[in-house]
Amino acid sequence: MLKVLIYALPLILAVYALVDLVQTDEEDVQGLPKLVWVLLIVLFAVIGPIAWLAAGKRSRRWRPGFLSAPGTAGGAGRPRPTAPDDDPDFLRGLRYQRPPPTTPTTPTTPEDEDDQPTPA
């Protein structure tokens, strides 16, 4: 099992670093161009990925909604509803979209007409 880890761990690390490199914006890459980072990661299976993860890109920028507290929009402001039925604005809008309720009418059948008294 240990022999498998010796070969699998550098491969997994390299794949992770390559995917991270490809998904990183060009302005967040620092030190070297992306192509050089790709070559370093591929040619130096252990050192390249570690170098990329440690020094290859700027620290992650905070984005609204990224790692924010659950139930809040971007970590600040008014709490965000978790479902449409918890959102008062949504429920208020439904009230205006629904037609007013009507009284149900019972369908008349020819048999019902025979049972009715005839006017005199």
PDB file of N, CA and C in Angstrom:
ATOM      1  N   MET A   1       0.820  -1.191   0.000  1.00  0.00           N
ATOM      2  CA  MET A   1       0.000   0.000   0.000  1.00  0.00           C
ATOM      3  C   MET A   1       0.868   1.260   0.000  1.00  0.00           C
ATOM      4  N   LEU A   2       1.953   1.218   0.737  1.00  0.00           N
ATOM      5  CA  LEU A   2       2.845   2.367   0.799  1.00  0.00           C
ATOM      6  C   LEU A   2       3.498   2.627  -0.561  1.00  0.00           C
ATOM      7  N   LYS A   3       3.767   1.553  -1.323  1.00  0.00           N
ATOM      8  CA  LYS A   3       4.362   1.719  -2.643  1.00  0.00           C
ATOM      9  C   LYS A   3       3.413   2.460  -3.584  1.00  0.00           C
ATOM     10  N   VAL A   4       2.120   2.210  -3.436  1.00  0.00           N
ATOM     11  CA  VAL A   4       1.130   2.898  -4.272  1.00  0.00           C
ATOM     12  C   VAL A   4       1.099   4.384  -3.936  1.00  0.00           C
ATOM     13  N   LEU A   5       1.155   4.717  -2.651  1.00  0.00           N
ATOM     14  CA  LEU A   5       1.141   6.125  -2.242  1.00  0.00           C
ATOM     15  C   LEU A   5       2.359   6.885  -2.747  1.00  0.00           C
ATOM     16  N   ILE A   6       3.494   6.206  -2.816  1.00  0.00           N
ATOM     17  CA  ILE A   6       4.718   6.863  -3.281  1.00  0.00           C
ATOM     18  C   ILE A   6       4.555   7.349  -4.720  1.00  0.00           C
ATOM     19  N   TYR A   7       3.803   6.612  -5.527  1.00  0.00           N
ATOM     20  CA  TYR A   7       3.594   7.008  -6.921  1.00  0.00           C
ATOM     21  C   TYR A   7       2.319   7.836  -7.099  1.00  0.00           C
ATOM     22  N   ALA A   8       1.307   7.548  -6.314  1.00  0.00           N
ATOM     23  CA  ALA A   8       0.019   8.217  -6.510  1.00  0.00           C
ATOM     24  C   ALA A   8       0.012   9.632  -5.945  1.00  0.00           C
ATOM     25  N   LEU A   9       0.631   9.858  -4.827  1.00  0.00           N
ATOM     26  CA  LEU A   9       0.598  11.170  -4.190  1.00  0.00           C
ATOM     27  C   LEU A   9       1.197  12.278  -5.070  1.00  0.00           C
ATOM     28  N   PRO A  10       2.379  12.094  -5.659  1.00  0.00           N
ATOM     29  CA  PRO A  10       2.893  13.146  -6.557  1.00  0.00           C
ATOM     30  C   PRO A  10       2.001  13.354  -7.788  1.00  0.00           C
ATOM     31  N   LEU A  11       1.418  12.288  -8.292  1.00  0.00           N
ATOM     32  CA  LEU A  11       0.536  12.419  -9.450  1.00  0.00           C
ATOM     33  C   LEU A  11      -0.726  13.195  -9.088  1.00  0.00           C
ATOM     34  N   ILE A  12      -1.322  12.881  -7.960  1.00  0.00           N
ATOM     35  CA  ILE A  12      -2.521  13.595  -7.515  1.00  0.00           C
ATOM     36  C   ILE A  12      -2.199  15.059  -7.249  1.00  0.00           C
ATOM     37  N   LEU A  13      -1.061  15.312  -6.631  1.00  0.00           N
ATOM     38  CA  LEU A  13      -0.638  16.682  -6.352  1.00  0.00           C
ATOM     39  C   LEU A  13      -0.412  17.459  -7.650  1.00  0.00           C
ATOM     40  N   ALA A  14       0.197  16.822  -8.634  1.00  0.00           N
ATOM     41  CA  ALA A  14       0.445  17.490  -9.916  1.00  0.00           C
ATOM     42  C   ALA A  14      -0.864  17.787 -10.646  1.00  0.00           C
ATOM     43  N   VAL A  15      -1.784  16.849 -10.645  1.00  0.00           N
ATOM     44  CA  VAL A  15      -3.075  17.075 -11.306  1.00  0.00           C
ATOM     45  C   VAL A  15      -3.828  18.210 -10.614  1.00  0.00           C
ATOM     46  N   TYR A  16      -3.830  18.207  -9.293  1.00  0.00           N
ATOM     47  CA  TYR A  16      -4.495  19.276  -8.558  1.00  0.00           C
ATOM     48  C   TYR A  16      -3.874  20.639  -8.890  1.00  0.00           C
ATOM     49  N   ALA A  17      -2.557  20.702  -8.905  1.00  0.00           N
ATOM     50  CA  ALA A  17      -1.877  21.964  -9.189  1.00  0.00           C
ATOM     51  C   ALA A  17      -2.145  22.422 -10.625  1.00  0.00           C
ATOM     52  N   LEU A  18      -2.185  21.502 -11.574  1.00  0.00           N
ATOM     53  CA  LEU A  18      -2.483  21.879 -12.965  1.00  0.00           C
ATOM     54  C   LEU A  18      -3.899  22.410 -13.107  1.00  0.00           C
ATOM     55  N   VAL A  19      -4.846  21.754 -12.480  1.00  0.00           N
ATOM     56  CA  VAL A  19      -6.227  22.224 -12.552  1.00  0.00           C
ATOM     57  C   VAL A  19      -6.351  23.594 -11.889  1.00  0.00           C
ATOM     58  N   ASP A  20      -5.699  23.776 -10.765  1.00  0.00           N
ATOM     59  CA  ASP A  20      -5.719  25.065 -10.077  1.00  0.00           C
ATOM     60  C   ASP A  20      -5.070  26.147 -10.933  1.00  0.00           C
ATOM     61  N   LEU A  21      -3.983  25.812 -11.602  1.00  0.00           N
ATOM     62  CA  LEU A  21      -3.301  26.766 -12.482  1.00  0.00           C
ATOM     63  C   LEU A  21      -4.195  27.167 -13.643  1.00  0.00           C
ATOM     64  N   VAL A  22      -4.848  26.208 -14.260  1.00  0.00           N
ATOM     65  CA  VAL A  22      -5.695  26.510 -15.411  1.00  0.00           C
ATOM     66  C   VAL A  22      -6.883  27.386 -14.994  1.00  0.00           C
ATOM     67  N   GLN A  23      -7.417  27.171 -13.810  1.00  0.00           N
ATOM     68  CA  GLN A  23      -8.579  27.939 -13.365  1.00  0.00           C
ATOM     69  C   GLN A  23      -8.215  29.300 -12.782  1.00  0.00           C
ATOM     70  N   THR A  24      -6.961  29.558 -12.572  1.00  0.00           N
ATOM     71  CA  THR A  24      -6.534  30.833 -12.002  1.00  0.00           C
ATOM     72  C   THR A  24      -6.480  31.890 -13.093  1.00  0.00           C
ATOM     73  N   ASP A  25      -6.998  33.092 -12.770  1.00  0.00           N
ATOM     74  CA  ASP A  25      -6.943  34.203 -13.712  1.00  0.00           C
ATOM     75  C   ASP A  25      -5.496  34.603 -13.963  1.00  0.00           C
ATOM     76  N   GLU A  26      -5.251  35.154 -15.155  1.00  0.00           N
ATOM     77  CA  GLU A  26      -3.888  35.529 -15.552  1.00  0.00           C
ATOM     78  C   GLU A  26      -3.295  36.582 -14.617  1.00  0.00           C
ATOM     79  N   GLU A  27      -4.125  37.514 -14.131  1.00  0.00           N
ATOM     80  CA  GLU A  27      -3.584  38.565 -13.262  1.00  0.00           C
ATOM     81  C   GLU A  27      -3.249  38.054 -11.862  1.00  0.00           C
ATOM     82  N   ASP A  28      -3.748  36.874 -11.496  1.00  0.00           N
ATOM     83  CA  ASP A  28      -3.430  36.311 -10.184  1.00  0.00           C
ATOM     84  C   ASP A  28      -2.171  35.443 -10.198  1.00  0.00           C
ATOM     85  N   VAL A  29      -1.659  35.133 -11.377  1.00  0.00           N
ATOM     86  CA  VAL A  29      -0.425  34.342 -11.474  1.00  0.00           C
ATOM     87  C   VAL A  29       0.744  35.280 -11.239  1.00  0.00           C
ATOM     88  N   GLN A  30       1.635  34.897 -10.343  1.00  0.00           N
ATOM     89  CA  GLN A  30       2.771  35.776 -10.065  1.00  0.00           C
ATOM     90  C   GLN A  30       4.085  35.022 -10.234  1.00  0.00           C
ATOM     91  N   GLY A  31       5.103  35.761 -10.546  1.00  0.00           N
ATOM     92  CA  GLY A  31       6.445  35.188 -10.662  1.00  0.00           C
ATOM     93  C   GLY A  31       6.793  34.756 -12.068  1.00  0.00           C
ATOM     94  N   LEU A  32       6.027  33.868 -12.652  1.00  0.00           N
ATOM     95  CA  LEU A  32       6.318  33.317 -13.976  1.00  0.00           C
ATOM     96  C   LEU A  32       5.036  33.267 -14.801  1.00  0.00           C
ATOM     97  N   PRO A  33       5.160  33.220 -16.127  1.00  0.00           N
ATOM     98  CA  PRO A  33       3.962  33.043 -16.960  1.00  0.00           C
ATOM     99  C   PRO A  33       3.343  31.652 -16.743  1.00  0.00           C
ATOM    100  N   LYS A  34       2.095  31.528 -17.124  1.00  0.00           N
ATOM    101  CA  LYS A  34       1.388  30.262 -16.918  1.00  0.00           C
ATOM    102  C   LYS A  34       2.080  29.095 -17.615  1.00  0.00           C
ATOM    103  N   LEU A  35       2.568  29.301 -18.813  1.00  0.00           N
ATOM    104  CA  LEU A  35       3.213  28.223 -19.562  1.00  0.00           C
ATOM    105  C   LEU A  35       4.435  27.685 -18.819  1.00  0.00           C
ATOM    106  N   VAL A  36       5.203  28.571 -18.220  1.00  0.00           N
ATOM    107  CA  VAL A  36       6.385  28.138 -17.462  1.00  0.00           C
ATOM    108  C   VAL A  36       5.945  27.361 -16.220  1.00  0.00           C
ATOM    109  N   TRP A  37       4.872  27.802 -15.578  1.00  0.00           N
ATOM    110  CA  TRP A  37       4.364  27.060 -14.426  1.00  0.00           C
ATOM    111  C   TRP A  37       3.909  25.663 -14.827  1.00  0.00           C
ATOM    112  N   VAL A  38       3.266  25.556 -15.983  1.00  0.00           N
ATOM    113  CA  VAL A  38       2.842  24.230 -16.465  1.00  0.00           C
ATOM    114  C   VAL A  38       4.054  23.328 -16.639  1.00  0.00           C
ATOM    115  N   LEU A  39       5.098  23.852 -17.263  1.00  0.00           N
ATOM    116  CA  LEU A  39       6.309  23.052 -17.463  1.00  0.00           C
ATOM    117  C   LEU A  39       6.940  22.643 -16.128  1.00  0.00           C
ATOM    118  N   LEU A  40       6.979  23.559 -15.172  1.00  0.00           N
ATOM    119  CA  LEU A  40       7.538  23.219 -13.865  1.00  0.00           C
ATOM    120  C   LEU A  40       6.723  22.126 -13.170  1.00  0.00           C
ATOM    121  N   ILE A  41       5.411  22.223 -13.246  1.00  0.00           N
ATOM    122  CA  ILE A  41       4.558  21.238 -12.581  1.00  0.00           C
ATOM    123  C   ILE A  41       4.710  19.870 -13.228  1.00  0.00           C
ATOM    124  N   VAL A  42       4.789  19.846 -14.564  1.00  0.00           N
ATOM    125  CA  VAL A  42       4.880  18.560 -15.273  1.00  0.00           C
ATOM    126  C   VAL A  42       6.268  17.947 -15.150  1.00  0.00           C
ATOM    127  N   LEU A  43       7.319  18.754 -15.277  1.00  0.00           N
ATOM    128  CA  LEU A  43       8.674  18.208 -15.280  1.00  0.00           C
ATOM    129  C   LEU A  43       9.188  17.861 -13.875  1.00  0.00           C
ATOM    130  N   PHE A  44       8.816  18.639 -12.896  1.00  0.00           N
ATOM    131  CA  PHE A  44       9.263  18.386 -11.533  1.00  0.00           C
ATOM    132  C   PHE A  44       8.043  17.990 -10.705  1.00  0.00           C
ATOM    133  N   ALA A  45       7.754  16.701 -10.659  1.00  0.00           N
ATOM    134  CA  ALA A  45       6.487  16.170 -10.171  1.00  0.00           C
ATOM    135  C   ALA A  45       6.170  16.536  -8.728  1.00  0.00           C
ATOM    136  N   VAL A  46       7.143  16.721  -7.883  1.00  0.00           N
ATOM    137  CA  VAL A  46       6.860  17.050  -6.489  1.00  0.00           C
ATOM    138  C   VAL A  46       7.150  18.519  -6.209  1.00  0.00           C
ATOM    139  N   ILE A  47       8.291  18.998  -6.665  1.00  0.00           N
ATOM    140  CA  ILE A  47       8.713  20.367  -6.387  1.00  0.00           C
ATOM    141  C   ILE A  47       7.839  21.383  -7.132  1.00  0.00           C
ATOM    142  N   GLY A  48       7.494  21.105  -8.376  1.00  0.00           N
ATOM    143  CA  GLY A  48       6.693  22.034  -9.190  1.00  0.00           C
ATOM    144  C   GLY A  48       5.326  22.327  -8.588  1.00  0.00           C
ATOM    145  N   PRO A  49       4.531  21.300  -8.274  1.00  0.00           N
ATOM    146  CA  PRO A  49       3.218  21.577  -7.674  1.00  0.00           C
ATOM    147  C   PRO A  49       3.306  22.287  -6.323  1.00  0.00           C
ATOM    148  N   ILE A  50       4.268  21.903  -5.505  1.00  0.00           N
ATOM    149  CA  ILE A  50       4.420  22.570  -4.203  1.00  0.00           C
ATOM    150  C   ILE A  50       4.808  24.032  -4.402  1.00  0.00           C
ATOM    151  N   ALA A  51       5.701  24.296  -5.361  1.00  0.00           N
ATOM    152  CA  ALA A  51       6.089  25.683  -5.641  1.00  0.00           C
ATOM    153  C   ALA A  51       4.889  26.492  -6.135  1.00  0.00           C
ATOM    154  N   TRP A  52       4.062  25.900  -7.008  1.00  0.00           N
ATOM    155  CA  TRP A  52       2.876  26.602  -7.501  1.00  0.00           C
ATOM    156  C   TRP A  52       1.911  26.919  -6.357  1.00  0.00           C
ATOM    157  N   LEU A  53       1.650  25.929  -5.522  1.00  0.00           N
ATOM    158  CA  LEU A  53       0.690  26.136  -4.435  1.00  0.00           C
ATOM    159  C   LEU A  53       1.217  27.108  -3.385  1.00  0.00           C
ATOM    160  N   ALA A  54       2.531  27.141  -3.196  1.00  0.00           N
ATOM    161  CA  ALA A  54       3.109  28.015  -2.173  1.00  0.00           C
ATOM    162  C   ALA A  54       3.338  29.436  -2.675  1.00  0.00           C
ATOM    163  N   ALA A  55       3.818  29.587  -3.913  1.00  0.00           N
ATOM    164  CA  ALA A  55       4.244  30.919  -4.347  1.00  0.00           C
ATOM    165  C   ALA A  55       3.734  31.319  -5.721  1.00  0.00           C
ATOM    166  N   GLY A  56       3.010  30.475  -6.396  1.00  0.00           N
ATOM    167  CA  GLY A  56       2.653  30.755  -7.785  1.00  0.00           C
ATOM    168  C   GLY A  56       1.505  31.705  -7.997  1.00  0.00           C
ATOM    169  N   LYS A  57       0.660  31.870  -7.014  1.00  0.00           N
ATOM    170  CA  LYS A  57      -0.462  32.775  -7.221  1.00  0.00           C
ATOM    171  C   LYS A  57      -0.680  33.626  -5.990  1.00  0.00           C
ATOM    172  N   ARG A  58      -1.313  34.752  -6.247  1.00  0.00           N
ATOM    173  CA  ARG A  58      -1.627  35.659  -5.153  1.00  0.00           C
ATOM    174  C   ARG A  58      -2.655  35.014  -4.251  1.00  0.00           C
ATOM    175  N   SER A  59      -2.755  35.548  -3.052  1.00  0.00           N
ATOM    176  CA  SER A  59      -3.741  34.997  -2.125  1.00  0.00           C
ATOM    177  C   SER A  59      -5.138  35.186  -2.698  1.00  0.00           C
ATOM    178  N   ARG A  60      -6.032  34.326  -2.288  1.00  0.00           N
ATOM    179  CA  ARG A  60      -7.397  34.376  -2.809  1.00  0.00           C
ATOM    180  C   ARG A  60      -8.052  35.693  -2.424  1.00  0.00           C
ATOM    181  N   ARG A  61      -8.721  36.278  -3.431  1.00  0.00           N
ATOM    182  CA  ARG A  61      -9.459  37.506  -3.178  1.00  0.00           C
ATOM    183  C   ARG A  61     -10.799  37.158  -2.563  1.00  0.00           C
ATOM    184  N   TRP A  62     -11.287  38.039  -1.708  1.00  0.00           N
ATOM    185  CA  TRP A  62     -12.604  37.825  -1.136  1.00  0.00           C
ATOM    186  C   TRP A  62     -13.638  38.188  -2.181  1.00  0.00           C
ATOM    187  N   ARG A  63     -14.579  37.286  -2.398  1.00  0.00           N
ATOM    188  CA  ARG A  63     -15.659  37.535  -3.333  1.00  0.00           C
ATOM    189  C   ARG A  63     -16.969  37.477  -2.561  1.00  0.00           C
ATOM    190  N   PRO A  64     -17.934  38.320  -2.946  1.00  0.00           N
ATOM    191  CA  PRO A  64     -19.225  38.264  -2.254  1.00  0.00           C
ATOM    192  C   PRO A  64     -19.810  36.863  -2.360  1.00  0.00           C
ATOM    193  N   GLY A  65     -20.249  36.333  -1.249  1.00  0.00           N
ATOM    194  CA  GLY A  65     -20.845  35.005  -1.235  1.00  0.00           C
ATOM    195  C   GLY A  65     -19.834  33.891  -1.074  1.00  0.00           C
ATOM    196  N   PHE A  66     -18.541  34.195  -1.163  1.00  0.00           N
ATOM    197  CA  PHE A  66     -17.515  33.172  -1.044  1.00  0.00           C
ATOM    198  C   PHE A  66     -17.149  33.010   0.418  1.00  0.00           C
ATOM    199  N   LEU A  67     -17.376  31.849   0.951  1.00  0.00           N
ATOM    200  CA  LEU A  67     -17.095  31.533   2.345  1.00  0.00           C
ATOM    201  C   LEU A  67     -17.825  32.468   3.305  1.00  0.00           C
ATOM    202  N   SER A  68     -19.047  32.833   2.962  1.00  0.00           N
ATOM    203  CA  SER A  68     -19.817  33.679   3.860  1.00  0.00           C
ATOM    204  C   SER A  68     -20.612  32.807   4.820  1.00  0.00           C
ATOM    205  N   ALA A  69     -21.080  33.429   5.852  1.00  0.00           N
ATOM    206  CA  ALA A  69     -21.841  32.696   6.856  1.00  0.00           C
ATOM    207  C   ALA A  69     -23.148  32.209   6.252  1.00  0.00           C
ATOM    208  N   PRO A  70     -23.617  31.023   6.622  1.00  0.00           N
ATOM    209  CA  PRO A  70     -24.868  30.526   6.077  1.00  0.00           C
ATOM    210  C   PRO A  70     -26.018  31.438   6.461  1.00  0.00           C
ATOM    211  N   GLY A  71     -26.908  31.643   5.507  1.00  0.00           N
ATOM    212  CA  GLY A  71     -28.073  32.467   5.757  1.00  0.00           C
ATOM    213  C   GLY A  71     -27.846  33.944   5.570  1.00  0.00           C
ATOM    214  N   THR A  72     -26.648  34.350   5.108  1.00  0.00           N
ATOM    215  CA  THR A  72     -26.395  35.758   4.859  1.00  0.00           C
ATOM    216  C   THR A  72     -25.937  35.929   3.429  1.00  0.00           C
ATOM    217  N   ALA A  73     -26.222  37.076   2.879  1.00  0.00           N
ATOM    218  CA  ALA A  73     -25.817  37.378   1.519  1.00  0.00           C
ATOM    219  C   ALA A  73     -24.464  38.058   1.555  1.00  0.00           C
ATOM    220  N   GLY A  74     -23.412  37.356   1.210  1.00  0.00           N
ATOM    221  CA  GLY A  74     -22.082  37.930   1.192  1.00  0.00           C
ATOM    222  C   GLY A  74     -21.512  38.182   2.572  1.00  0.00           C
ATOM    223  N   GLY A  75     -22.086  37.608   3.592  1.00  0.00           N
ATOM    224  CA  GLY A  75     -21.560  37.745   4.932  1.00  0.00           C
ATOM    225  C   GLY A  75     -21.985  39.010   5.653  1.00  0.00           C
ATOM    226  N   ALA A  76     -22.723  39.909   4.996  1.00  0.00           N
ATOM    227  CA  ALA A  76     -23.145  41.135   5.644  1.00  0.00           C
ATOM    228  C   ALA A  76     -24.527  41.514   5.147  1.00  0.00           C
ATOM    229  N   GLY A  77     -25.135  42.460   5.837  1.00  0.00           N
ATOM    230  CA  GLY A  77     -26.441  42.923   5.389  1.00  0.00           C
ATOM    231  C   GLY A  77     -27.562  42.088   5.968  1.00  0.00           C
ATOM    232  N   ARG A  78     -28.713  42.193   5.312  1.00  0.00           N
ATOM    233  CA  ARG A  78     -29.887  41.483   5.815  1.00  0.00           C
ATOM    234  C   ARG A  78     -29.764  39.992   5.529  1.00  0.00           C
ATOM    235  N   PRO A  79     -30.236  39.149   6.424  1.00  0.00           N
ATOM    236  CA  PRO A  79     -30.137  37.698   6.211  1.00  0.00           C
ATOM    237  C   PRO A  79     -30.891  37.266   4.959  1.00  0.00           C
ATOM    238  N   ARG A  80     -30.297  36.382   4.237  1.00  0.00           N
ATOM    239  CA  ARG A  80     -30.870  35.876   2.996  1.00  0.00           C
ATOM    240  C   ARG A  80     -31.802  34.711   3.319  1.00  0.00           C
ATOM    241  N   PRO A  81     -33.021  34.708   2.761  1.00  0.00           N
ATOM    242  CA  PRO A  81     -33.901  33.560   2.980  1.00  0.00           C
ATOM    243  C   PRO A  81     -33.305  32.308   2.354  1.00  0.00           C
ATOM    244  N   THR A  82     -33.604  31.183   2.962  1.00  0.00           N
ATOM    245  CA  THR A  82     -33.038  29.940   2.456  1.00  0.00           C
ATOM    246  C   THR A  82     -33.934  29.274   1.434  1.00  0.00           C
ATOM    247  N   ALA A  83     -35.209  29.610   1.391  1.00  0.00           N
ATOM    248  CA  ALA A  83     -36.131  29.001   0.435  1.00  0.00           C
ATOM    249  C   ALA A  83     -37.172  30.051   0.048  1.00  0.00           C
ATOM    250  N   PRO A  84     -37.802  29.895  -1.128  1.00  0.00           N
ATOM    251  CA  PRO A  84     -38.791  30.896  -1.553  1.00  0.00           C
ATOM    252  C   PRO A  84     -39.932  31.064  -0.561  1.00  0.00           C
ATOM    253  N   ASP A  85     -40.338  29.986   0.092  1.00  0.00           N
ATOM    254  CA  ASP A  85     -41.457  30.128   1.008  1.00  0.00           C
ATOM    255  C   ASP A  85     -41.058  30.821   2.312  1.00  0.00           C
ATOM    256  N   ASP A  86     -39.771  31.095   2.513  1.00  0.00           N
ATOM    257  CA  ASP A  86     -39.309  31.862   3.664  1.00  0.00           C
ATOM    258  C   ASP A  86     -39.114  33.342   3.326  1.00  0.00           C
ATOM    259  N   ASP A  87     -39.232  33.700   2.071  1.00  0.00           N
ATOM    260  CA  ASP A  87     -38.988  35.063   1.620  1.00  0.00           C
ATOM    261  C   ASP A  87     -40.297  35.845   1.624  1.00  0.00           C
ATOM    262  N   PRO A  88     -40.438  36.852   2.496  1.00  0.00           N
ATOM    263  CA  PRO A  88     -41.701  37.593   2.560  1.00  0.00           C
ATOM    264  C   PRO A  88     -42.022  38.334   1.266  1.00  0.00           C
ATOM    265  N   ASP A  89     -40.998  38.834   0.569  1.00  0.00           N
ATOM    266  CA  ASP A  89     -41.256  39.523  -0.696  1.00  0.00           C
ATOM    267  C   ASP A  89     -41.831  38.568  -1.733  1.00  0.00           C
ATOM    268  N   PHE A  90     -41.306  37.355  -1.783  1.00  0.00           N
ATOM    269  CA  PHE A  90     -41.809  36.356  -2.719  1.00  0.00           C
ATOM    270  C   PHE A  90     -43.262  36.006  -2.402  1.00  0.00           C
ATOM    271  N   LEU A  91     -43.549  35.789  -1.132  1.00  0.00           N
ATOM    272  CA  LEU A  91     -44.910  35.436  -0.729  1.00  0.00           C
ATOM    273  C   LEU A  91     -45.881  36.583  -0.992  1.00  0.00           C
ATOM    274  N   ARG A  92     -45.432  37.812  -0.780  1.00  0.00           N
ATOM    275  CA  ARG A  92     -46.274  38.966  -1.066  1.00  0.00           C
ATOM    276  C   ARG A  92     -46.597  39.036  -2.553  1.00  0.00           C
ATOM    277  N   GLY A  93     -45.614  38.711  -3.397  1.00  0.00           N
ATOM    278  CA  GLY A  93     -45.851  38.721  -4.837  1.00  0.00           C
ATOM    279  C   GLY A  93     -46.818  37.639  -5.276  1.00  0.00           C
ATOM    280  N   LEU A  94     -46.823  36.526  -4.599  1.00  0.00           N
ATOM    281  CA  LEU A  94     -47.764  35.458  -4.947  1.00  0.00           C
ATOM    282  C   LEU A  94     -49.206  35.889  -4.687  1.00  0.00           C
ATOM    283  N   ARG A  95     -49.393  36.661  -3.662  1.00  0.00           N
ATOM    284  CA  ARG A  95     -50.737  37.100  -3.305  1.00  0.00           C
ATOM    285  C   ARG A  95     -51.348  37.907  -4.455  1.00  0.00           C
ATOM    286  N   TYR A  96     -50.537  38.688  -5.153  1.00  0.00           N
ATOM    287  CA  TYR A  96     -51.054  39.515  -6.236  1.00  0.00           C
ATOM    288  C   TYR A  96     -51.193  38.752  -7.543  1.00  0.00           C
ATOM    289  N   GLN A  97     -50.509  37.661  -7.708  1.00  0.00           N
ATOM    290  CA  GLN A  97     -50.573  36.894  -8.952  1.00  0.00           C
ATOM    291  C   GLN A  97     -51.744  35.928  -8.989  1.00  0.00           C
ATOM    292  N   ARG A  98     -52.218  35.501  -7.837  1.00  0.00           N
ATOM    293  CA  ARG A  98     -53.257  34.488  -7.784  1.00  0.00           C
ATOM    294  C   ARG A  98     -54.620  35.135  -8.037  1.00  0.00           C
ATOM    295  N   PRO A  99     -55.445  34.530  -8.890  1.00  0.00           N
ATOM    296  CA  PRO A  99     -56.790  35.082  -9.092  1.00  0.00           C
ATOM    297  C   PRO A  99     -57.623  34.857  -7.829  1.00  0.00           C
ATOM    298  N   PRO A 100     -58.641  35.701  -7.614  1.00  0.00           N
ATOM    299  CA  PRO A 100     -59.452  35.530  -6.412  1.00  0.00           C
ATOM    300  C   PRO A 100     -60.198  34.200  -6.460  1.00  0.00           C
ATOM    301  N   PRO A 101     -60.402  33.601  -5.296  1.00  0.00           N
ATOM    302  CA  PRO A 101     -61.093  32.311  -5.291  1.00  0.00           C
ATOM    303  C   PRO A 101     -62.544  32.478  -5.714  1.00  0.00           C
ATOM    304  N   THR A 102     -63.049  31.517  -6.458  1.00  0.00           N
ATOM    305  CA  THR A 102     -64.438  31.525  -6.900  1.00  0.00           C
ATOM    306  C   THR A 102     -65.173  30.402  -6.197  1.00  0.00           C
ATOM    307  N   THR A 103     -66.477  30.552  -6.106  1.00  0.00           N
ATOM    308  CA  THR A 103     -67.254  29.494  -5.477  1.00  0.00           C
ATOM    309  C   THR A 103     -67.395  28.351  -6.470  1.00  0.00           C
ATOM    310  N   PRO A 104     -67.197  27.155  -6.019  1.00  0.00           N
ATOM    311  CA  PRO A 104     -67.298  26.029  -6.953  1.00  0.00           C
ATOM    312  C   PRO A 104     -68.747  25.815  -7.371  1.00  0.00           C
ATOM    313  N   THR A 105     -68.918  25.535  -8.622  1.00  0.00           N
ATOM    314  CA  THR A 105     -70.250  25.239  -9.151  1.00  0.00           C
ATOM    315  C   THR A 105     -70.341  23.754  -9.399  1.00  0.00           C
ATOM    316  N   THR A 106     -71.472  23.203  -9.128  1.00  0.00           N
ATOM    317  CA  THR A 106     -71.663  21.777  -9.389  1.00  0.00           C
ATOM    318  C   THR A 106     -72.218  21.615 -10.785  1.00  0.00           C
ATOM    319  N   PRO A 107     -71.635  20.744 -11.535  1.00  0.00           N
ATOM    320  CA  PRO A 107     -72.124  20.559 -12.905  1.00  0.00           C
ATOM    321  C   PRO A 107     -73.514  19.922 -12.880  1.00  0.00           C
ATOM    322  N   THR A 108     -74.311  20.359 -13.802  1.00  0.00           N
ATOM    323  CA  THR A 108     -75.654  19.768 -13.897  1.00  0.00           C
ATOM    324  C   THR A 108     -75.639  18.694 -14.958  1.00  0.00           C
ATOM    325  N   THR A 109     -76.328  17.623 -14.651  1.00  0.00           N
ATOM    326  CA  THR A 109     -76.451  16.526 -15.607  1.00  0.00           C
ATOM    327  C   THR A 109     -77.917  16.397 -15.977  1.00  0.00           C
ATOM    328  N   PRO A 110     -78.202  15.754 -17.063  1.00  0.00           N
ATOM    329  CA  PRO A 110     -79.619  15.595 -17.457  1.00  0.00           C
ATOM    330  C   PRO A 110     -80.446  14.905 -16.380  1.00  0.00           C
ATOM    331  N   GLU A 111     -79.837  14.036 -15.605  1.00  0.00           N
ATOM    332  CA  GLU A 111     -80.578  13.358 -14.544  1.00  0.00           C
ATOM    333  C   GLU A 111     -81.000  14.341 -13.469  1.00  0.00           C
ATOM    334  N   ASP A 112     -80.153  15.341 -13.181  1.00  0.00           N
ATOM    335  CA  ASP A 112     -80.485  16.336 -12.174  1.00  0.00           C
ATOM    336  C   ASP A 112     -81.666  17.187 -12.616  1.00  0.00           C
ATOM    337  N   GLU A 113     -81.758  17.478 -13.907  1.00  0.00           N
ATOM    338  CA  GLU A 113     -82.866  18.297 -14.406  1.00  0.00           C
ATOM    339  C   GLU A 113     -84.198  17.602 -14.254  1.00  0.00           C
ATOM    340  N   ASP A 114     -84.241  16.265 -14.369  1.00  0.00           N
ATOM    341  CA  ASP A 114     -85.492  15.524 -14.224  1.00  0.00           C
ATOM    342  C   ASP A 114     -85.994  15.565 -12.792  1.00  0.00           C
ATOM    343  N   ASP A 115     -85.105  15.626 -11.830  1.00  0.00           N
ATOM    344  CA  ASP A 115     -85.503  15.607 -10.431  1.00  0.00           C
ATOM    345  C   ASP A 115     -86.053  16.952  -9.982  1.00  0.00           C
ATOM    346  N   GLN A 116     -85.791  18.005 -10.703  1.00  0.00           N
ATOM    347  CA  GLN A 116     -86.229  19.344 -10.286  1.00  0.00           C
ATOM    348  C   GLN A 116     -87.725  19.515 -10.557  1.00  0.00           C
ATOM    349  N   PRO A 117     -88.416  20.170  -9.675  1.00  0.00           N
ATOM    350  CA  PRO A 117     -89.855  20.407  -9.908  1.00  0.00           C
ATOM    351  C   PRO A 117     -90.037  21.385 -11.057  1.00  0.00           C
ATOM    352  N   THR A 118     -91.041  21.206 -11.830  1.00  0.00           N
ATOM    353  CA  THR A 118     -91.341  22.084 -12.951  1.00  0.00           C
ATOM    354  C   THR A 118     -92.154  23.251 -12.446  1.00  0.00           C
ATOM    355  N   PRO A 119     -91.866  24.432 -12.928  1.00  0.00           N
ATOM    356  CA  PRO A 119     -92.615  25.609 -12.462  1.00  0.00           C
ATOM    357  C   PRO A 119     -94.066  25.539 -12.944  1.00  0.00           C
ATOM    358  N   ALA A 120     -94.995  25.986 -12.142  1.00  0.00           N
ATOM    359  CA  ALA A 120     -96.404  25.905 -12.497  1.00  0.00           C
ATOM    360  C   ALA A 120     -96.938  27.159 -13.088  1.00  0.00           C
TER     361      ALA A 120
END
